[in-house]
Structure formats: C-alpha cells, structure tokens
C-alpha cells in the first residue's frame, strides 16, 4: 500500500482542517507525512493554527480510515488526485480553496484544452433543455469537455447531450463514489465513466448533506475555462456556481429568457448586473473564448510580422501565450520565475505593440 497516499488522504480527514489550513501545514512542515510527526509547539506557529487545532492534528486518528479508503479505491478503480500531483487539474489548482484530494472514476483528461461548465435549474423547462442541447451540439466540433453536477434538470440534460454527441463529460458529485444521487441518473453515470467520468472530493461513506453542494459547485467553477448558466432562479444553486466562477476569474455566460419566467430571472439578473455575458449565439461564445480555428489561423500571419525585435522576456511571454492561449499574470510570473511587476511591464510593451491584449481578471492572450 502506498504510504504517501495514506497521509494525503488522512490530512483531509483531520477535524477543522480545510484545504487552506492543510496547505499551510504541509508547506510549513515540509510535507504531508511530516505534518503528522510535528509537535504541538511547532504546529501552533503555523498561520491559522491555534492550540485547539494543533491538538486535533496531533491526536487525529485518521490513518486507519485512510487505509479503508485506499482499499475502496483499488476495488473500484478510482484514481486519487492530490493537489501537488502533476495530473491534478491545473485550472482548479489556481483556486485558493481547491480540494487537497480528488477522487476520479473515468477516463476524462481533467486538463483538456477546452473545458466548459453547463449548469442550471433542477426544474428545467422545454426552452431550457432545447437551448442546452443546442449549445452542446454546436460545441461538439471543438471537442470540449463538458462539466456539470449530475443533478436533475439542466445538469443531466448537458451530460446526456454530450454523451449523444460523443463529447466526454464529467459529473462533479456532492458525495462519495460509494453511491449516486439522484439514483435515477445511474445509467447516464455509468456511460459517463466510459466517456468522461465522475469526480468528487468526498471519501466513500461520508455523510451526505446539503452543505456538500456549494463545495461541489466550487469544483465545477474551478475546473472550467467558461461557465454557462442556462436557466435558474435568482437564488438557485447555479447562481452560487456563477458567483464562485467570477471570484475565480472564469468567463461566465448566461442564456437570457422571458422576463416573466421564474427560471430565467436568475440568468437575466446575472446579465443585468454584469456578472455574466449574454449568450444567445454559440458562435459568439466561441469567438469570445478565442476558440474559433478560423480566427486563430487569421492571426498567424499578422503575429509573424509583429514577433520581431522582442527582448528576452517579451519573447518568452509570447512563447508561453502561444502554448497556453490564455493565461493569468500570476501564472506567467510563476512560469518565468520573474516578479509580477517585471512581467506587467513586458506585457504592457507587448500590448502597445499590438501583440497582446488584456482580458477581464488580468488574463492575457495574443491578439
């Protein structure tokens, strides 16, 4: 049995230690296993860790439960994804409160080139379902990975439409992989394991409660390049996902609807308050995401002429942007191991030369 995996699971089971505190502990102690070996006197020096939490860390009896989980994973072909692992979803890793550990059953590439989240009300209307199916149909040519929450309504509509169009689709769950809720979607979930997958941060046999769903929603928001809200009430769960996606600097789009329809009021609200861009044409969405192949091809000749007389930092930035397409300034700073201020100056120079443009959330792409 992989001893390191035991500790990776175990640290997520310590009472009152969430993802942020756990990262602090791992960073300060120099590793996951070292957290369990540290003395209270050392632990209380970790930011956010007081006497009570430090005592819980040293007294936590969680390794046996972690062993049980490893056995469950082996039996059911479940892949662990720890936040320091290379195959952990890189988009999600950008989020400050992303889960330390994910459990994935399926074959989806969670670092796919294009990932779209599609969410909405559990009480989808015929209008919402038809729009959802149309969006998936028009995205099929781009081979996007579609992510949703496997719930009633828009979620399951997005998953089923993706399966029908041959797109891989991932359902993010608010419970462990020992069960499936709602059970009526079991048939679709089984197909998704062969054409995408199921993903959760919850261990098997963990308590199943409504507080899990906002946690589930943040994973959906963090996994994607863009989130599309099809139908929702003004206080629906999809609104929470959209709000989280905005805090993560994700692109959020909403489908407008009849002003008198209760399941369109949430989407109309997001558009009206500039928390989402209006989506009434999938081609415009594709253009907004810079996913149009024709647009990329059209850029090539222009860029070739512009990519002359660049200094070393500018050339490195251009090379990264060619590979990544869109990237945040903090990621650029990390990749280049250069201060963000220096990166910002180089980006400004490239912007003035007409090579780079700025997108919302300090995201950059080639013009």
Protein backbone atom coordinates (compact mmCIF):
# COMPACT_ATOMS: atom_id res chain seq x y z
CA UNK A 1 0.00 0.00 0.00
CA UNK A 2 1.27 3.47 -0.95
CA UNK A 3 2.18 5.04 2.39
CA UNK A 4 2.34 8.55 0.95
CA UNK A 5 -1.22 8.19 -0.35
CA UNK A 6 -2.39 7.25 3.15
CA UNK A 7 -1.10 10.52 4.53
CA UNK A 8 -2.53 12.53 1.63
CA UNK A 9 -5.98 11.14 2.36
CA UNK A 10 -5.54 11.31 6.12
CA UNK A 11 -4.78 15.02 6.21
CA UNK A 12 -8.17 15.71 4.59
CA UNK A 13 -9.85 13.85 7.45
CA UNK A 14 -8.45 15.92 10.32
CA UNK A 15 -11.32 17.79 12.04
CA UNK A 16 -11.48 21.55 11.44
CA UNK A 17 -8.64 21.49 8.91
CA UNK A 18 -9.85 22.57 5.49
CA UNK A 19 -7.88 22.93 2.24
CA UNK A 20 -6.35 26.32 3.07
CA UNK A 21 -5.13 25.33 6.54
CA UNK A 22 -3.92 21.98 5.25
CA UNK A 23 -1.79 23.72 2.63
CA UNK A 24 -0.29 25.92 5.31
CA UNK A 25 0.53 22.86 7.40
CA UNK A 26 2.13 20.98 4.51
CA UNK A 27 4.16 23.99 3.43
CA UNK A 28 5.36 24.81 6.95
CA UNK A 29 6.15 21.23 7.96
CA UNK A 30 7.81 20.34 4.66
CA UNK A 31 5.49 17.54 3.56
CA UNK A 32 2.27 15.68 4.28
CA UNK A 33 3.78 12.92 6.42
CA UNK A 34 5.78 15.49 8.38
CA UNK A 35 2.53 17.17 9.48
CA UNK A 36 1.61 14.04 11.44
CA UNK A 37 5.06 13.89 13.04
CA UNK A 38 5.16 17.55 14.13
CA UNK A 39 4.83 18.53 17.80
CA UNK A 40 2.19 20.94 19.08
CA UNK A 41 4.80 23.61 19.80
CA UNK A 42 5.71 23.66 16.13
CA UNK A 43 2.19 23.41 14.79
CA UNK A 44 0.88 26.44 16.68
CA UNK A 45 3.39 28.59 14.77
CA UNK A 46 1.65 27.75 11.51
CA UNK A 47 -0.58 30.64 10.30
CA UNK A 48 -4.21 29.90 11.14
CA UNK A 49 -3.40 27.03 13.51
CA UNK A 50 -4.18 27.68 17.17
CA UNK A 51 -3.81 25.49 20.25
CA UNK A 52 -7.08 23.60 19.69
CA UNK A 53 -6.44 22.79 16.03
CA UNK A 54 -2.81 21.87 16.73
CA UNK A 55 -4.02 19.39 19.34
CA UNK A 56 -6.51 17.91 16.88
CA UNK A 57 -3.73 17.43 14.32
CA UNK A 58 -1.51 15.56 16.77
CA UNK A 59 -4.36 13.47 18.17
CA UNK A 60 -6.18 12.75 14.91
CA UNK A 61 -6.70 9.01 14.47
CA UNK A 62 -7.32 9.01 10.74
CA UNK A 63 -4.78 6.67 9.16
CA UNK A 64 -6.96 3.59 9.55
CA UNK A 65 -9.84 5.35 7.79
CA UNK A 66 -7.39 6.37 5.06
CA UNK A 67 -6.38 2.71 4.64
CA UNK A 68 -10.01 1.75 4.18
CA UNK A 69 -10.38 4.41 1.51
CA UNK A 70 -7.33 3.19 -0.40
CA UNK A 71 -8.80 -0.33 -0.41
CA UNK A 72 -12.10 1.07 -1.69
CA UNK A 73 -10.29 2.96 -4.46
CA UNK A 74 -8.36 -0.11 -5.58
CA UNK A 75 -11.50 -2.22 -5.62
CA UNK A 76 -13.48 0.30 -7.71
CA UNK A 77 -10.71 1.60 -9.99
CA UNK A 78 -10.77 5.13 -8.58
CA UNK A 79 -7.85 7.44 -9.24
CA UNK A 80 -6.59 9.78 -6.48
CA UNK A 81 -5.59 13.31 -7.49
CA UNK A 82 -3.59 15.17 -4.84
CA UNK A 83 -3.13 18.91 -5.33
CA UNK A 84 0.65 18.56 -5.64
CA UNK A 85 0.37 15.80 -8.24
CA UNK A 86 1.17 16.57 -11.86
CA UNK A 87 -2.19 15.27 -13.09
CA UNK A 88 -4.26 17.36 -10.66
CA UNK A 89 -6.50 19.73 -12.68
CA UNK A 90 -4.31 22.78 -13.31
CA UNK A 91 -7.24 25.18 -13.59
CA UNK A 92 -8.55 24.06 -10.23
CA UNK A 93 -5.10 24.30 -8.70
CA UNK A 94 -5.22 28.07 -9.35
CA UNK A 95 -8.12 28.40 -6.88
CA UNK A 96 -7.09 29.22 -3.32
CA UNK A 97 -9.63 26.87 -1.72
CA UNK A 98 -9.45 23.96 -4.15
CA UNK A 99 -9.67 20.48 -2.61
CA UNK A 100 -6.46 18.83 -1.47
CA UNK A 101 -7.65 15.48 -2.76
CA UNK A 102 -9.99 14.49 -5.57
CA UNK A 103 -11.31 11.05 -6.43
CA UNK A 104 -11.85 10.39 -10.14
CA UNK A 105 -13.52 7.42 -11.78
CA UNK A 106 -13.38 7.55 -15.56
CA UNK A 107 -11.11 8.44 -18.46
CA UNK A 108 -11.53 12.19 -18.92
CA UNK A 109 -8.50 14.44 -19.22
CA UNK A 110 -9.18 17.00 -16.50
CA UNK A 111 -6.52 19.19 -18.12
CA UNK A 112 -8.18 19.10 -21.53
CA UNK A 113 -7.57 22.01 -23.89
CA UNK A 114 -11.14 23.31 -23.62
CA UNK A 115 -13.46 22.73 -20.67
CA UNK A 116 -16.96 24.19 -20.36
CA UNK A 117 -19.28 24.00 -17.38
CA UNK A 118 -23.03 23.97 -18.07
CA UNK A 119 -25.34 24.39 -15.08
CA UNK A 120 -28.87 25.44 -14.31
CA UNK A 121 -32.10 24.74 -12.52
CA UNK A 122 -33.31 21.29 -11.50
CA UNK A 123 -36.72 22.31 -12.87
CA UNK A 124 -35.66 22.84 -16.47
CA UNK A 125 -38.31 23.94 -18.94
CA UNK A 126 -38.57 22.71 -22.51
CA UNK A 127 -36.97 26.00 -23.55
CA UNK A 128 -34.00 25.45 -21.23
CA UNK A 129 -33.50 21.87 -22.34
CA UNK A 130 -33.62 22.76 -26.02
CA UNK A 131 -31.11 25.61 -25.54
CA UNK A 132 -28.82 23.34 -23.53
CA UNK A 133 -28.90 20.67 -26.25
CA UNK A 134 -28.23 23.30 -28.93
CA UNK A 135 -25.21 24.64 -27.04
CA UNK A 136 -23.71 21.17 -26.67
CA UNK A 137 -24.44 20.38 -30.31
CA UNK A 138 -22.61 23.49 -31.53
CA UNK A 139 -19.68 22.92 -29.16
CA UNK A 140 -19.22 19.33 -30.33
CA UNK A 141 -16.95 20.31 -33.22
CA UNK A 142 -14.49 21.84 -30.74
CA UNK A 143 -14.20 18.60 -28.75
CA UNK A 144 -14.78 20.37 -25.45
CA UNK A 145 -15.02 18.56 -22.13
CA UNK A 146 -18.42 19.31 -20.59
CA UNK A 147 -18.64 19.53 -16.79
CA UNK A 148 -21.79 19.67 -14.68
CA UNK A 149 -23.23 18.39 -11.42
CA UNK A 150 -25.30 15.35 -12.50
CA UNK A 151 -28.37 16.91 -10.89
CA UNK A 152 -31.91 16.94 -12.25
CA UNK A 153 -32.77 19.42 -15.00
CA UNK A 154 -30.11 21.30 -16.92
CA UNK A 155 -27.20 19.31 -15.44
CA UNK A 156 -28.34 15.90 -16.64
CA UNK A 157 -29.50 17.43 -19.93
CA UNK A 158 -25.94 18.69 -20.55
CA UNK A 159 -24.45 15.30 -19.66
CA UNK A 160 -26.85 13.33 -21.87
CA UNK A 161 -26.45 15.70 -24.81
CA UNK A 162 -22.66 15.38 -24.50
CA UNK A 163 -22.85 11.59 -24.47
CA UNK A 164 -25.05 11.66 -27.56
CA UNK A 165 -22.66 13.97 -29.42
CA UNK A 166 -19.58 11.94 -28.49
CA UNK A 167 -18.17 14.54 -26.11
CA UNK A 168 -16.55 13.50 -22.88
CA UNK A 169 -18.45 14.76 -19.86
CA UNK A 170 -17.65 14.81 -16.15
CA UNK A 171 -20.16 14.87 -13.32
CA UNK A 172 -18.95 16.51 -10.11
CA UNK A 173 -20.63 14.92 -7.10
CA UNK A 174 -21.56 16.21 -3.67
CA UNK A 175 -20.92 12.81 -2.08
CA UNK A 176 -18.53 9.87 -2.18
CA UNK A 177 -18.29 7.38 -5.01
CA UNK A 178 -19.95 4.64 -2.96
CA UNK A 179 -23.36 5.93 -4.04
CA UNK A 180 -25.06 8.07 -6.65
CA UNK A 181 -27.56 10.85 -6.17
CA UNK A 182 -30.01 11.05 -7.74
CA UNK A 183 -30.09 7.30 -8.33
CA UNK A 184 -32.31 7.73 -11.40
CA UNK A 185 -29.21 9.05 -13.22
CA UNK A 186 -27.21 5.88 -12.60
CA UNK A 187 -27.48 4.72 -16.21
CA UNK A 188 -26.10 8.04 -17.52
CA UNK A 189 -23.37 7.98 -14.86
CA UNK A 190 -22.24 4.52 -15.96
CA UNK A 191 -21.92 5.75 -19.55
CA UNK A 192 -20.01 8.80 -18.33
CA UNK A 193 -17.42 6.58 -16.65
CA UNK A 194 -16.68 5.23 -20.15
CA UNK A 195 -16.95 8.67 -21.80
CA UNK A 196 -15.70 11.15 -19.23
CA UNK A 197 -16.10 10.37 -15.58
CA UNK A 198 -17.29 11.12 -12.09
CA UNK A 199 -15.34 13.38 -9.74
CA UNK A 200 -15.62 14.19 -6.04
CA UNK A 201 -13.64 15.41 -3.07
CA UNK A 202 -15.66 13.30 -0.64
CA UNK A 203 -14.49 9.92 0.62
CA UNK A 204 -16.73 6.88 0.44
CA UNK A 205 -19.47 6.51 3.04
CA UNK A 206 -19.09 10.15 4.08
CA UNK A 207 -22.14 11.99 5.37
CA UNK A 208 -24.42 13.18 2.61
CA UNK A 209 -25.87 16.62 3.34
CA UNK A 210 -26.89 19.81 1.57
CA UNK A 211 -23.76 21.64 2.74
CA UNK A 212 -21.79 19.49 0.33
CA UNK A 213 -23.34 21.09 -2.75
CA UNK A 214 -21.69 24.54 -2.51
CA UNK A 215 -18.38 22.66 -2.16
CA UNK A 216 -19.31 20.66 -5.25
CA UNK A 217 -20.16 23.90 -7.07
CA UNK A 218 -16.73 25.42 -6.44
CA UNK A 219 -15.10 22.41 -8.10
CA UNK A 220 -17.28 22.87 -11.19
CA UNK A 221 -16.40 26.58 -11.28
CA UNK A 222 -12.69 25.93 -10.83
CA UNK A 223 -12.37 23.14 -13.38
CA UNK A 224 -13.59 25.12 -16.39
CA UNK A 225 -12.49 27.82 -18.79
CA UNK A 226 -16.05 29.11 -19.00
CA UNK A 227 -19.29 28.55 -17.15
CA UNK A 228 -22.64 28.68 -18.96
CA UNK A 229 -25.82 29.17 -16.93
CA UNK A 230 -28.86 28.09 -18.94
CA UNK A 231 -31.83 28.52 -16.58
CA UNK A 232 -32.02 29.34 -12.88
CA UNK A 233 -33.99 31.15 -10.26
CA UNK A 234 -32.43 34.27 -8.78
CA UNK A 235 -31.39 32.29 -5.70
CA UNK A 236 -30.70 28.96 -7.40
CA UNK A 237 -27.62 26.81 -6.93
CA UNK A 238 -26.41 27.80 -10.39
CA UNK A 239 -26.22 31.40 -9.17
CA UNK A 240 -23.83 30.25 -6.43
CA UNK A 241 -21.69 28.47 -9.02
CA UNK A 242 -21.64 31.61 -11.19
CA UNK A 243 -20.66 33.78 -8.23
CA UNK A 244 -17.80 31.42 -7.38
CA UNK A 245 -16.69 31.31 -11.02
CA UNK A 246 -16.48 35.11 -11.01
CA UNK A 247 -14.25 35.05 -7.92
CA UNK A 248 -12.03 32.59 -9.76
CA UNK A 249 -11.84 34.94 -12.77
CA UNK A 250 -13.61 32.46 -15.01
CA UNK A 251 -15.63 33.59 -18.01
CA UNK A 252 -19.34 33.37 -17.13
CA UNK A 253 -22.15 33.37 -19.69
CA UNK A 254 -25.91 33.24 -19.18
CA UNK A 255 -28.77 32.44 -21.53
CA UNK A 256 -31.44 35.18 -21.44
CA UNK A 257 -35.09 34.30 -21.04
CA UNK A 258 -38.61 35.64 -20.75
CA UNK A 259 -38.74 38.37 -18.09
CA UNK A 260 -41.86 36.76 -16.65
CA UNK A 261 -40.36 33.27 -16.37
CA UNK A 262 -39.13 32.43 -12.85
CA UNK A 263 -36.44 30.08 -14.13
CA UNK A 264 -34.98 32.80 -16.34
CA UNK A 265 -34.85 35.52 -13.71
CA UNK A 266 -31.50 34.31 -12.39
CA UNK A 267 -29.87 34.39 -15.83
CA UNK A 268 -31.37 37.80 -16.59
CA UNK A 269 -30.07 39.02 -13.23
CA UNK A 270 -26.53 37.81 -13.97
CA UNK A 271 -26.57 39.57 -17.35
CA UNK A 272 -28.12 42.79 -15.99
CA UNK A 273 -25.55 43.05 -13.17
CA UNK A 274 -22.61 42.27 -15.50
CA UNK A 275 -21.86 39.06 -13.66
CA UNK A 276 -22.29 37.13 -16.89
CA UNK A 277 -22.06 37.86 -20.59
CA UNK A 278 -25.21 37.35 -22.62
CA UNK A 279 -25.20 34.08 -24.58
CA UNK A 280 -27.70 33.99 -27.41
CA UNK A 281 -25.34 32.79 -30.12
CA UNK A 282 -22.87 29.93 -29.57
CA UNK A 283 -20.63 31.20 -32.37
CA UNK A 284 -20.22 34.46 -30.49
CA UNK A 285 -19.36 32.48 -27.36
CA UNK A 286 -16.71 30.60 -29.35
CA UNK A 287 -15.31 33.89 -30.62
CA UNK A 288 -15.31 35.37 -27.13
CA UNK A 289 -13.31 32.38 -25.90
CA UNK A 290 -10.92 32.70 -28.88
CA UNK A 291 -11.72 29.12 -29.83
CA UNK A 292 -12.53 29.79 -33.46
CA UNK A 293 -9.98 27.96 -35.61
CA UNK A 294 -10.51 30.44 -38.43
CA UNK A 295 -9.74 33.28 -36.08
CA UNK A 296 -6.55 31.56 -34.91
CA UNK A 297 -5.45 30.94 -38.49
CA UNK A 298 -6.17 34.56 -39.35
CA UNK A 299 -3.96 35.74 -36.54
CA UNK A 300 -0.95 33.75 -37.62
CA UNK A 301 0.30 35.94 -40.48
CA UNK A 302 -0.22 39.16 -38.55
CA UNK A 303 1.57 37.81 -35.49
CA UNK A 304 4.51 36.55 -37.52
CA UNK A 305 5.18 40.11 -38.67
CA UNK A 306 4.86 41.51 -35.18
CA UNK A 307 7.08 38.96 -33.40
CA UNK A 308 10.29 40.76 -34.35
CA UNK A 309 12.73 42.74 -32.24
CA UNK A 310 11.44 41.40 -28.93
CA UNK A 311 13.64 41.30 -25.85
CA UNK A 312 14.19 38.04 -23.97
CA UNK A 313 11.28 38.48 -21.54
CA UNK A 314 8.88 39.53 -24.29
CA UNK A 315 9.83 36.56 -26.46
CA UNK A 316 9.38 34.17 -23.53
CA UNK A 317 5.94 35.66 -22.83
CA UNK A 318 4.94 35.26 -26.47
CA UNK A 319 6.10 31.64 -26.49
CA UNK A 320 4.06 30.89 -23.35
CA UNK A 321 0.97 32.63 -24.74
CA UNK A 322 1.26 30.63 -27.96
CA UNK A 323 1.19 27.42 -25.94
CA UNK A 324 -1.39 28.41 -23.32
CA UNK A 325 -3.67 30.62 -25.46
CA UNK A 326 -4.96 32.46 -22.37
CA UNK A 327 -3.13 32.83 -19.07
CA UNK A 328 -3.20 34.91 -15.89
CA UNK A 329 -0.37 37.20 -14.88
CA UNK A 330 0.33 35.27 -11.67
CA UNK A 331 0.78 32.08 -13.72
CA UNK A 332 3.16 33.90 -16.09
CA UNK A 333 5.18 35.15 -13.13
CA UNK A 334 5.40 31.62 -11.76
CA UNK A 335 6.34 30.03 -15.10
CA UNK A 336 9.04 32.61 -15.77
CA UNK A 337 10.20 32.89 -12.16
CA UNK A 338 10.11 36.65 -12.52
CA UNK A 339 8.42 39.32 -10.32
CA UNK A 340 4.90 40.18 -11.40
CA UNK A 341 5.93 43.84 -11.76
CA UNK A 342 8.54 42.94 -14.37
CA UNK A 343 6.03 40.72 -16.16
CA UNK A 344 3.46 43.54 -16.14
CA UNK A 345 5.93 45.94 -17.81
CA UNK A 346 6.73 43.41 -20.53
CA UNK A 347 3.04 42.73 -21.10
CA UNK A 348 2.36 46.45 -21.41
CA UNK A 349 5.12 46.74 -24.00
CA UNK A 350 3.63 43.82 -25.96
CA UNK A 351 0.18 45.37 -25.68
CA UNK A 352 1.44 48.68 -27.09
CA UNK A 353 2.99 46.76 -29.98
CA UNK A 354 -0.38 45.19 -30.73
CA UNK A 355 0.80 41.66 -29.88
CA UNK A 356 -1.05 41.04 -26.61
CA UNK A 357 -4.43 42.07 -25.28
CA UNK A 358 -5.82 42.14 -21.76
CA UNK A 359 -8.97 40.25 -20.80
CA UNK A 360 -11.01 40.59 -17.58
CA UNK A 361 -9.35 39.19 -14.45
CA UNK A 362 -5.78 40.07 -15.53
CA UNK A 363 -5.86 37.38 -18.19
CA UNK A 364 -3.75 37.82 -21.33
CA UNK A 365 -3.83 36.39 -24.84
CA UNK A 366 -2.21 37.07 -28.19
CA UNK A 367 -4.08 39.50 -30.43
